[in-house]
Amino acid sequence: MAGTRAAIRYAKAALSLASDQNTAETVNKDMIAIANTIAESEELDQVLKSSVVKTEVKKAVLDKIFPGLNKISSDLFDVLIANKRIDILGAVATKYTVLFDELSGKEVAQVTTAIPMTEDLEIKVLAKVKELTSKSVELENIVDESILGGFILRIGDKQYNASVANKLNKLKREFSLN
């Protein structure tokens, strides 16, 4: 929990600095690359979290893996190393992208379907999204066969459940009450 709060603070500071220098979008691209690389590479994650690996080695590894980053992004490495918090780099990068999307008025909507979304279903989901929010939304499709059909839409803390499994459960509850 403390690591999450710290990650948010570092991400807010980086976003504030990047916004002041009009490089927030460039830094966001760096943060997406950093977050994805750390999430996909367990070895890199272990190196960053290891207390045995020296900080100079961690810095060298990061510089080798992420050449040509924006100055704010590479300076973030130095700040995290200096404060002995390099282990939360992945969380900071993820929080940065979330904060950047909020600042830009963009949200990610998770759409859970039983099968991969068709173009027709995507149009229906986008119509429902416009009904629920005024922000621009990027759809992320999650396939879960247990919902049987329909979709479950989650935008931030709002959820719209139009799944067949949900409708069957409602019917089941209705019949059990009688």
N, C-alpha and C. Protein backbone atom coordinates (compact mmCIF):
# COMPACT_ATOMS: atom_id res chain seq x y z
N MET A 1 0.82 -1.20 0.00
CA MET A 1 0.00 0.00 0.00
C MET A 1 0.87 1.26 0.00
N ALA A 2 1.90 1.27 0.84
CA ALA A 2 2.77 2.43 0.91
C ALA A 2 3.48 2.63 -0.43
N GLY A 3 3.84 1.54 -1.08
CA GLY A 3 4.49 1.62 -2.39
C GLY A 3 3.57 2.24 -3.43
N THR A 4 2.28 1.94 -3.34
CA THR A 4 1.31 2.50 -4.28
C THR A 4 1.17 4.00 -4.07
N ARG A 5 1.09 4.41 -2.82
CA ARG A 5 0.99 5.86 -2.54
C ARG A 5 2.24 6.57 -3.02
N ALA A 6 3.38 5.98 -2.79
CA ALA A 6 4.63 6.59 -3.24
C ALA A 6 4.67 6.65 -4.76
N ALA A 7 4.20 5.59 -5.42
CA ALA A 7 4.19 5.57 -6.89
C ALA A 7 3.32 6.70 -7.43
N ILE A 8 2.18 6.93 -6.79
CA ILE A 8 1.29 8.01 -7.22
C ILE A 8 1.98 9.37 -7.05
N ARG A 9 2.67 9.56 -5.94
CA ARG A 9 3.36 10.84 -5.70
C ARG A 9 4.45 11.08 -6.75
N TYR A 10 5.25 10.05 -7.03
CA TYR A 10 6.30 10.21 -8.05
C TYR A 10 5.69 10.45 -9.42
N ALA A 11 4.61 9.74 -9.73
CA ALA A 11 3.95 9.91 -11.03
C ALA A 11 3.37 11.31 -11.17
N LYS A 12 2.75 11.82 -10.10
CA LYS A 12 2.19 13.18 -10.14
C LYS A 12 3.30 14.21 -10.34
N ALA A 13 4.42 14.02 -9.65
CA ALA A 13 5.53 14.96 -9.79
C ALA A 13 6.08 14.94 -11.21
N ALA A 14 6.24 13.74 -11.76
CA ALA A 14 6.76 13.62 -13.14
C ALA A 14 5.79 14.24 -14.13
N LEU A 15 4.49 14.01 -13.94
CA LEU A 15 3.49 14.57 -14.84
C LEU A 15 3.45 16.09 -14.74
N SER A 16 3.56 16.60 -13.54
CA SER A 16 3.57 18.05 -13.35
C SER A 16 4.76 18.68 -14.06
N LEU A 17 5.93 18.10 -13.88
CA LEU A 17 7.14 18.60 -14.53
C LEU A 17 7.03 18.49 -16.05
N ALA A 18 6.53 17.35 -16.53
CA ALA A 18 6.39 17.15 -17.98
C ALA A 18 5.36 18.12 -18.56
N SER A 19 4.28 18.38 -17.84
CA SER A 19 3.27 19.32 -18.32
C SER A 19 3.84 20.73 -18.40
N ASP A 20 4.64 21.10 -17.40
CA ASP A 20 5.27 22.43 -17.40
C ASP A 20 6.19 22.60 -18.61
N GLN A 21 6.82 21.51 -19.02
CA GLN A 21 7.76 21.57 -20.14
C GLN A 21 7.12 21.14 -21.46
N ASN A 22 5.81 20.96 -21.47
CA ASN A 22 5.06 20.55 -22.68
C ASN A 22 5.58 19.26 -23.30
N THR A 23 5.97 18.31 -22.45
CA THR A 23 6.46 17.01 -22.94
C THR A 23 5.68 15.85 -22.31
N ALA A 24 4.50 16.15 -21.79
CA ALA A 24 3.73 15.12 -21.08
C ALA A 24 3.40 13.94 -21.98
N GLU A 25 3.08 14.19 -23.25
CA GLU A 25 2.74 13.10 -24.15
C GLU A 25 3.95 12.24 -24.49
N THR A 26 5.09 12.88 -24.69
CA THR A 26 6.33 12.13 -24.96
C THR A 26 6.71 11.27 -23.76
N VAL A 27 6.62 11.84 -22.58
CA VAL A 27 6.94 11.10 -21.35
C VAL A 27 5.94 9.96 -21.17
N ASN A 28 4.67 10.19 -21.55
CA ASN A 28 3.67 9.13 -21.45
C ASN A 28 4.05 7.94 -22.31
N LYS A 29 4.54 8.19 -23.52
CA LYS A 29 4.99 7.10 -24.39
C LYS A 29 6.14 6.33 -23.74
N ASP A 30 7.05 7.07 -23.11
CA ASP A 30 8.16 6.42 -22.38
C ASP A 30 7.63 5.56 -21.25
N MET A 31 6.68 6.10 -20.50
CA MET A 31 6.13 5.38 -19.34
C MET A 31 5.37 4.12 -19.77
N ILE A 32 4.67 4.20 -20.90
CA ILE A 32 3.98 3.02 -21.41
C ILE A 32 5.01 1.94 -21.75
N ALA A 33 6.10 2.34 -22.41
CA ALA A 33 7.16 1.39 -22.78
C ALA A 33 7.79 0.79 -21.52
N ILE A 34 8.06 1.62 -20.53
CA ILE A 34 8.67 1.15 -19.28
C ILE A 34 7.74 0.17 -18.56
N ALA A 35 6.47 0.55 -18.41
CA ALA A 35 5.51 -0.30 -17.70
C ALA A 35 5.35 -1.64 -18.41
N ASN A 36 5.23 -1.61 -19.74
CA ASN A 36 5.07 -2.86 -20.50
C ASN A 36 6.30 -3.74 -20.40
N THR A 37 7.48 -3.14 -20.50
CA THR A 37 8.72 -3.92 -20.44
C THR A 37 8.89 -4.58 -19.08
N ILE A 38 8.63 -3.85 -18.02
CA ILE A 38 8.76 -4.42 -16.67
C ILE A 38 7.71 -5.50 -16.45
N ALA A 39 6.50 -5.27 -16.94
CA ALA A 39 5.43 -6.27 -16.77
C ALA A 39 5.73 -7.55 -17.53
N GLU A 40 6.37 -7.42 -18.69
CA GLU A 40 6.66 -8.59 -19.53
C GLU A 40 7.95 -9.31 -19.14
N SER A 41 8.84 -8.64 -18.43
CA SER A 41 10.13 -9.23 -18.09
C SER A 41 10.26 -9.44 -16.58
N GLU A 42 10.08 -10.68 -16.17
CA GLU A 42 10.20 -10.98 -14.75
C GLU A 42 11.65 -10.77 -14.28
N GLU A 43 12.61 -11.01 -15.17
CA GLU A 43 14.02 -10.83 -14.80
C GLU A 43 14.31 -9.37 -14.46
N LEU A 44 13.81 -8.46 -15.30
CA LEU A 44 14.02 -7.03 -15.05
C LEU A 44 13.35 -6.63 -13.74
N ASP A 45 12.14 -7.10 -13.51
CA ASP A 45 11.42 -6.80 -12.28
C ASP A 45 12.22 -7.28 -11.07
N GLN A 46 12.78 -8.50 -11.16
CA GLN A 46 13.57 -9.05 -10.05
C GLN A 46 14.85 -8.24 -9.82
N VAL A 47 15.48 -7.80 -10.90
CA VAL A 47 16.70 -6.99 -10.76
C VAL A 47 16.37 -5.69 -10.03
N LEU A 48 15.29 -5.04 -10.42
CA LEU A 48 14.92 -3.76 -9.81
C LEU A 48 14.55 -3.93 -8.33
N LYS A 49 13.96 -5.05 -7.98
CA LYS A 49 13.52 -5.28 -6.60
C LYS A 49 14.60 -5.91 -5.73
N SER A 50 15.68 -6.39 -6.34
CA SER A 50 16.72 -7.08 -5.59
C SER A 50 17.54 -6.12 -4.73
N SER A 51 17.76 -6.50 -3.49
CA SER A 51 18.62 -5.71 -2.61
C SER A 51 20.09 -6.09 -2.77
N VAL A 52 20.34 -7.18 -3.49
CA VAL A 52 21.70 -7.66 -3.72
C VAL A 52 22.36 -6.91 -4.89
N VAL A 53 21.56 -6.60 -5.91
CA VAL A 53 22.09 -5.91 -7.10
C VAL A 53 22.37 -4.46 -6.75
N LYS A 54 23.58 -3.99 -7.08
CA LYS A 54 23.98 -2.63 -6.75
C LYS A 54 23.21 -1.62 -7.61
N THR A 55 23.02 -0.45 -7.05
CA THR A 55 22.25 0.59 -7.74
C THR A 55 22.91 1.01 -9.05
N GLU A 56 24.24 0.97 -9.11
CA GLU A 56 24.95 1.33 -10.35
C GLU A 56 24.59 0.33 -11.46
N VAL A 57 24.48 -0.93 -11.09
CA VAL A 57 24.12 -1.98 -12.05
C VAL A 57 22.68 -1.78 -12.51
N LYS A 58 21.79 -1.47 -11.58
CA LYS A 58 20.39 -1.23 -11.94
C LYS A 58 20.28 -0.06 -12.92
N LYS A 59 21.02 1.02 -12.63
CA LYS A 59 21.01 2.20 -13.51
C LYS A 59 21.54 1.84 -14.88
N ALA A 60 22.63 1.07 -14.92
CA ALA A 60 23.22 0.66 -16.21
C ALA A 60 22.25 -0.22 -17.00
N VAL A 61 21.57 -1.12 -16.32
CA VAL A 61 20.59 -1.99 -16.98
C VAL A 61 19.46 -1.15 -17.58
N LEU A 62 18.94 -0.21 -16.80
CA LEU A 62 17.85 0.64 -17.29
C LEU A 62 18.29 1.50 -18.47
N ASP A 63 19.50 2.04 -18.40
CA ASP A 63 20.01 2.86 -19.51
C ASP A 63 20.20 2.03 -20.77
N LYS A 64 20.59 0.77 -20.60
CA LYS A 64 20.80 -0.13 -21.74
C LYS A 64 19.46 -0.54 -22.37
N ILE A 65 18.47 -0.83 -21.52
CA ILE A 65 17.17 -1.28 -22.01
C ILE A 65 16.37 -0.12 -22.61
N PHE A 66 16.48 1.07 -22.01
CA PHE A 66 15.69 2.22 -22.45
C PHE A 66 16.57 3.36 -22.94
N PRO A 67 17.24 3.18 -24.09
CA PRO A 67 18.04 4.29 -24.61
C PRO A 67 17.13 5.33 -25.26
N GLY A 68 17.56 6.57 -25.26
CA GLY A 68 16.82 7.62 -25.97
C GLY A 68 15.52 8.05 -25.33
N LEU A 69 15.41 7.90 -24.02
CA LEU A 69 14.21 8.37 -23.33
C LEU A 69 14.25 9.89 -23.19
N ASN A 70 13.10 10.46 -22.97
CA ASN A 70 13.01 11.88 -22.65
C ASN A 70 13.80 12.13 -21.37
N LYS A 71 14.35 13.35 -21.21
CA LYS A 71 15.16 13.66 -20.04
C LYS A 71 14.39 13.46 -18.73
N ILE A 72 13.12 13.81 -18.73
CA ILE A 72 12.31 13.64 -17.51
C ILE A 72 12.21 12.17 -17.14
N SER A 73 12.03 11.31 -18.14
CA SER A 73 11.92 9.87 -17.88
C SER A 73 13.22 9.32 -17.32
N SER A 74 14.34 9.70 -17.93
CA SER A 74 15.62 9.18 -17.44
C SER A 74 16.00 9.80 -16.09
N ASP A 75 15.60 11.05 -15.86
CA ASP A 75 15.85 11.67 -14.56
C ASP A 75 15.03 10.99 -13.46
N LEU A 76 13.86 10.45 -13.85
CA LEU A 76 13.04 9.72 -12.88
C LEU A 76 13.80 8.51 -12.34
N PHE A 77 14.55 7.83 -13.22
CA PHE A 77 15.39 6.71 -12.77
C PHE A 77 16.33 7.17 -11.66
N ASP A 78 17.00 8.33 -11.91
CA ASP A 78 17.98 8.85 -10.94
C ASP A 78 17.31 9.20 -9.61
N VAL A 79 16.14 9.82 -9.68
CA VAL A 79 15.43 10.20 -8.45
C VAL A 79 15.03 8.96 -7.66
N LEU A 80 14.49 7.97 -8.36
CA LEU A 80 14.07 6.74 -7.68
C LEU A 80 15.27 6.01 -7.08
N ILE A 81 16.38 5.99 -7.79
CA ILE A 81 17.60 5.34 -7.27
C ILE A 81 18.12 6.10 -6.05
N ALA A 82 18.17 7.41 -6.15
CA ALA A 82 18.66 8.23 -5.03
C ALA A 82 17.80 8.05 -3.78
N ASN A 83 16.51 7.86 -3.97
CA ASN A 83 15.60 7.69 -2.84
C ASN A 83 15.38 6.22 -2.47
N LYS A 84 16.16 5.34 -3.10
CA LYS A 84 16.07 3.89 -2.84
C LYS A 84 14.65 3.37 -3.09
N ARG A 85 14.02 3.84 -4.18
CA ARG A 85 12.66 3.42 -4.54
C ARG A 85 12.58 2.91 -5.97
N ILE A 86 13.71 2.51 -6.55
CA ILE A 86 13.71 2.05 -7.94
C ILE A 86 12.83 0.80 -8.11
N ASP A 87 12.57 0.09 -7.02
CA ASP A 87 11.73 -1.11 -7.08
C ASP A 87 10.29 -0.80 -7.49
N ILE A 88 9.85 0.46 -7.35
CA ILE A 88 8.47 0.81 -7.72
C ILE A 88 8.39 1.49 -9.08
N LEU A 89 9.44 1.40 -9.88
CA LEU A 89 9.46 2.05 -11.20
C LEU A 89 8.27 1.63 -12.06
N GLY A 90 7.95 0.34 -12.10
CA GLY A 90 6.83 -0.14 -12.90
C GLY A 90 5.52 0.48 -12.45
N ALA A 91 5.32 0.56 -11.14
CA ALA A 91 4.09 1.15 -10.60
C ALA A 91 4.02 2.64 -10.91
N VAL A 92 5.15 3.32 -10.82
CA VAL A 92 5.19 4.76 -11.13
C VAL A 92 4.82 4.98 -12.60
N ALA A 93 5.38 4.17 -13.48
CA ALA A 93 5.10 4.30 -14.92
C ALA A 93 3.61 4.05 -15.20
N THR A 94 3.04 3.03 -14.57
CA THR A 94 1.63 2.72 -14.76
C THR A 94 0.75 3.86 -14.24
N LYS A 95 1.06 4.36 -13.06
CA LYS A 95 0.28 5.46 -12.47
C LYS A 95 0.39 6.72 -13.33
N TYR A 96 1.56 6.96 -13.89
CA TYR A 96 1.75 8.13 -14.76
C TYR A 96 0.77 8.07 -15.94
N THR A 97 0.69 6.91 -16.59
CA THR A 97 -0.20 6.80 -17.75
C THR A 97 -1.66 6.98 -17.36
N VAL A 98 -2.04 6.48 -16.18
CA VAL A 98 -3.42 6.67 -15.70
C VAL A 98 -3.69 8.15 -15.46
N LEU A 99 -2.76 8.82 -14.78
CA LEU A 99 -2.92 10.25 -14.50
C LEU A 99 -2.93 11.06 -15.80
N PHE A 100 -2.08 10.69 -16.75
CA PHE A 100 -2.02 11.39 -18.04
C PHE A 100 -3.35 11.24 -18.77
N ASP A 101 -3.91 10.03 -18.76
CA ASP A 101 -5.20 9.81 -19.42
C ASP A 101 -6.30 10.64 -18.76
N GLU A 102 -6.29 10.72 -17.42
CA GLU A 102 -7.28 11.53 -16.71
C GLU A 102 -7.14 12.99 -17.10
N LEU A 103 -5.90 13.48 -17.17
CA LEU A 103 -5.63 14.86 -17.53
C LEU A 103 -6.09 15.15 -18.95
N SER A 104 -5.93 14.16 -19.83
CA SER A 104 -6.31 14.32 -21.24
C SER A 104 -7.80 14.11 -21.46
N GLY A 105 -8.52 13.66 -20.43
CA GLY A 105 -9.94 13.40 -20.56
C GLY A 105 -10.22 12.10 -21.28
N LYS A 106 -9.25 11.18 -21.25
CA LYS A 106 -9.40 9.89 -21.93
C LYS A 106 -9.50 8.80 -20.86
N GLU A 107 -10.38 7.85 -21.12
CA GLU A 107 -10.55 6.75 -20.19
C GLU A 107 -10.49 5.43 -20.94
N VAL A 108 -10.11 4.38 -20.24
CA VAL A 108 -10.11 3.05 -20.82
C VAL A 108 -11.34 2.32 -20.30
N ALA A 109 -12.14 1.82 -21.22
CA ALA A 109 -13.32 1.05 -20.85
C ALA A 109 -13.02 -0.42 -21.08
N GLN A 110 -13.25 -1.23 -20.06
CA GLN A 110 -13.05 -2.66 -20.19
C GLN A 110 -14.36 -3.30 -20.59
N VAL A 111 -14.32 -4.04 -21.68
CA VAL A 111 -15.50 -4.71 -22.19
C VAL A 111 -15.24 -6.21 -22.12
N THR A 112 -16.00 -6.90 -21.28
CA THR A 112 -15.86 -8.34 -21.14
C THR A 112 -16.93 -9.00 -22.00
N THR A 113 -16.50 -9.87 -22.91
CA THR A 113 -17.43 -10.59 -23.79
C THR A 113 -17.09 -12.07 -23.77
N ALA A 114 -18.05 -12.89 -24.20
CA ALA A 114 -17.83 -14.34 -24.23
C ALA A 114 -16.92 -14.73 -25.38
N ILE A 115 -16.96 -13.96 -26.46
CA ILE A 115 -16.10 -14.18 -27.63
C ILE A 115 -15.48 -12.83 -28.00
N PRO A 116 -14.41 -12.82 -28.80
CA PRO A 116 -13.83 -11.52 -29.19
C PRO A 116 -14.90 -10.61 -29.83
N MET A 117 -14.81 -9.32 -29.54
CA MET A 117 -15.82 -8.36 -30.00
C MET A 117 -15.88 -8.27 -31.52
N THR A 118 -17.10 -8.21 -32.03
CA THR A 118 -17.32 -7.97 -33.45
C THR A 118 -17.48 -6.46 -33.65
N GLU A 119 -17.43 -6.03 -34.88
CA GLU A 119 -17.57 -4.61 -35.18
C GLU A 119 -18.95 -4.11 -34.75
N ASP A 120 -19.98 -4.95 -34.95
CA ASP A 120 -21.35 -4.59 -34.58
C ASP A 120 -21.47 -4.38 -33.07
N LEU A 121 -20.89 -5.31 -32.28
CA LEU A 121 -20.94 -5.19 -30.83
C LEU A 121 -20.15 -3.97 -30.36
N GLU A 122 -19.04 -3.70 -31.03
CA GLU A 122 -18.23 -2.54 -30.66
C GLU A 122 -19.03 -1.24 -30.83
N ILE A 123 -19.83 -1.15 -31.89
CA ILE A 123 -20.67 0.02 -32.13
C ILE A 123 -21.70 0.17 -31.00
N LYS A 124 -22.32 -0.96 -30.59
CA LYS A 124 -23.30 -0.94 -29.51
C LYS A 124 -22.65 -0.50 -28.18
N VAL A 125 -21.45 -1.02 -27.93
CA VAL A 125 -20.74 -0.70 -26.69
C VAL A 125 -20.37 0.78 -26.68
N LEU A 126 -19.87 1.29 -27.79
CA LEU A 126 -19.50 2.71 -27.86
C LEU A 126 -20.73 3.60 -27.65
N ALA A 127 -21.90 3.17 -28.14
CA ALA A 127 -23.14 3.92 -27.92
C ALA A 127 -23.46 3.97 -26.42
N LYS A 128 -23.30 2.84 -25.74
CA LYS A 128 -23.55 2.78 -24.29
C LYS A 128 -22.54 3.64 -23.54
N VAL A 129 -21.29 3.65 -24.02
CA VAL A 129 -20.25 4.45 -23.39
C VAL A 129 -20.61 5.93 -23.47
N LYS A 130 -21.09 6.39 -24.63
CA LYS A 130 -21.49 7.79 -24.78
C LYS A 130 -22.63 8.14 -23.83
N GLU A 131 -23.48 7.17 -23.56
CA GLU A 131 -24.59 7.36 -22.62
C GLU A 131 -24.07 7.53 -21.19
N LEU A 132 -23.00 6.81 -20.84
CA LEU A 132 -22.49 6.81 -19.47
C LEU A 132 -21.47 7.90 -19.17
N THR A 133 -20.71 8.34 -20.18
CA THR A 133 -19.64 9.31 -19.93
C THR A 133 -19.46 10.23 -21.12
N SER A 134 -18.90 11.38 -20.85
CA SER A 134 -18.67 12.35 -21.93
C SER A 134 -17.22 12.34 -22.39
N LYS A 135 -16.40 11.50 -21.78
CA LYS A 135 -14.97 11.45 -22.12
C LYS A 135 -14.74 10.59 -23.35
N SER A 136 -13.58 10.81 -23.98
CA SER A 136 -13.21 9.91 -25.08
C SER A 136 -12.71 8.62 -24.45
N VAL A 137 -13.10 7.50 -25.04
CA VAL A 137 -12.85 6.21 -24.42
C VAL A 137 -12.14 5.28 -25.39
N GLU A 138 -11.20 4.54 -24.84
CA GLU A 138 -10.50 3.50 -25.58
C GLU A 138 -11.02 2.17 -25.05
N LEU A 139 -11.44 1.28 -25.95
CA LEU A 139 -12.00 0.00 -25.52
C LEU A 139 -10.92 -1.06 -25.36
N GLU A 140 -11.00 -1.80 -24.27
CA GLU A 140 -10.11 -2.93 -24.01
C GLU A 140 -11.00 -4.16 -23.88
N ASN A 141 -10.83 -5.12 -24.79
CA ASN A 141 -11.69 -6.31 -24.79
C ASN A 141 -11.08 -7.43 -23.97
N ILE A 142 -11.88 -7.98 -23.04
CA ILE A 142 -11.47 -9.13 -22.23
C ILE A 142 -12.45 -10.24 -22.57
N VAL A 143 -11.93 -11.41 -22.92
CA VAL A 143 -12.79 -12.53 -23.28
C VAL A 143 -12.95 -13.44 -22.07
N ASP A 144 -14.22 -13.68 -21.67
CA ASP A 144 -14.55 -14.54 -20.54
C ASP A 144 -15.78 -15.35 -20.93
N GLU A 145 -15.57 -16.62 -21.25
CA GLU A 145 -16.66 -17.47 -21.74
C GLU A 145 -17.75 -17.71 -20.70
N SER A 146 -17.45 -17.48 -19.43
CA SER A 146 -18.43 -17.75 -18.37
C SER A 146 -19.62 -16.79 -18.40
N ILE A 147 -19.53 -15.68 -19.12
CA ILE A 147 -20.67 -14.76 -19.17
C ILE A 147 -21.69 -15.20 -20.22
N LEU A 148 -21.38 -16.25 -20.98
CA LEU A 148 -22.25 -16.89 -21.96
C LEU A 148 -22.55 -16.05 -23.19
N GLY A 149 -22.85 -14.79 -23.05
CA GLY A 149 -23.15 -13.91 -24.17
C GLY A 149 -23.35 -12.50 -23.67
N GLY A 150 -23.58 -11.56 -24.58
CA GLY A 150 -23.73 -10.17 -24.19
C GLY A 150 -22.39 -9.57 -23.83
N PHE A 151 -22.41 -8.57 -22.92
CA PHE A 151 -21.15 -7.94 -22.52
C PHE A 151 -21.28 -7.31 -21.14
N ILE A 152 -20.14 -7.07 -20.51
CA ILE A 152 -20.06 -6.32 -19.27
C ILE A 152 -19.13 -5.15 -19.56
N LEU A 153 -19.62 -3.95 -19.33
CA LEU A 153 -18.86 -2.74 -19.61
C LEU A 153 -18.45 -2.10 -18.29
N ARG A 154 -17.17 -1.83 -18.12
CA ARG A 154 -16.69 -1.16 -16.91
C ARG A 154 -15.89 0.07 -17.33
N ILE A 155 -16.36 1.24 -16.86
CA ILE A 155 -15.65 2.50 -17.10
C ILE A 155 -15.39 3.12 -15.74
N GLY A 156 -14.14 3.14 -15.35
CA GLY A 156 -13.81 3.66 -14.03
C GLY A 156 -14.52 2.87 -12.95
N ASP A 157 -15.38 3.53 -12.17
CA ASP A 157 -16.10 2.83 -11.11
C ASP A 157 -17.54 2.50 -11.50
N LYS A 158 -17.90 2.73 -12.76
CA LYS A 158 -19.23 2.39 -13.25
C LYS A 158 -19.20 1.06 -13.99
N GLN A 159 -20.26 0.28 -13.82
CA GLN A 159 -20.34 -1.00 -14.53
C GLN A 159 -21.74 -1.18 -15.07
N TYR A 160 -21.81 -1.63 -16.32
CA TYR A 160 -23.09 -1.94 -16.97
C TYR A 160 -23.01 -3.40 -17.37
N ASN A 161 -23.89 -4.23 -16.79
CA ASN A 161 -23.83 -5.66 -17.03
C ASN A 161 -24.99 -6.08 -17.93
N ALA A 162 -24.67 -6.39 -19.18
CA ALA A 162 -25.67 -6.86 -20.15
C ALA A 162 -25.34 -8.28 -20.58
N SER A 163 -24.83 -9.07 -19.63
CA SER A 163 -24.42 -10.44 -19.97
C SER A 163 -25.60 -11.39 -19.80
N VAL A 164 -25.56 -12.47 -20.56
CA VAL A 164 -26.60 -13.50 -20.48
C VAL A 164 -26.56 -14.15 -19.10
N ALA A 165 -25.36 -14.39 -18.57
CA ALA A 165 -25.22 -15.00 -17.25
C ALA A 165 -25.90 -14.14 -16.19
N ASN A 166 -25.77 -12.83 -16.27
CA ASN A 166 -26.40 -11.92 -15.31
C ASN A 166 -27.92 -12.00 -15.42
N LYS A 167 -28.44 -12.05 -16.64
CA LYS A 167 -29.89 -12.13 -16.84
C LYS A 167 -30.43 -13.47 -16.32
N LEU A 168 -29.69 -14.55 -16.53
CA LEU A 168 -30.11 -15.85 -16.00
C LEU A 168 -30.12 -15.86 -14.48
N ASN A 169 -29.11 -15.22 -13.88
CA ASN A 169 -29.06 -15.13 -12.42
C ASN A 169 -30.23 -14.33 -11.86
N LYS A 170 -30.61 -13.26 -12.56
CA LYS A 170 -31.77 -12.47 -12.13
C LYS A 170 -33.04 -13.32 -12.18
N LEU A 171 -33.21 -14.08 -13.26
CA LEU A 171 -34.37 -14.97 -13.38
C LEU A 171 -34.39 -16.01 -12.27
N LYS A 172 -33.22 -16.58 -12.00
CA LYS A 172 -33.09 -17.60 -10.95
C LYS A 172 -33.49 -17.02 -9.59
N ARG A 173 -33.02 -15.80 -9.30
CA ARG A 173 -33.38 -15.15 -8.03
C ARG A 173 -34.88 -14.86 -7.98
N GLU A 174 -35.45 -14.45 -9.11
CA GLU A 174 -36.86 -14.13 -9.18
C GLU A 174 -37.72 -15.37 -8.89
N PHE A 175 -37.33 -16.50 -9.51
CA PHE A 175 -38.07 -17.74 -9.30
C PHE A 175 -37.89 -18.29 -7.89
N SER A 176 -36.74 -18.09 -7.30
CA SER A 176 -36.50 -18.61 -5.95
C SER A 176 -37.25 -17.82 -4.89
N LEU A 177 -37.62 -16.57 -5.21
CA LEU A 177 -38.39 -15.76 -4.26
C LEU A 177 -39.86 -16.19 -4.23
N ASN A 178 -40.34 -16.77 -5.32
CA ASN A 178 -41.76 -17.17 -5.40
C ASN A 178 -42.00 -18.53 -4.83
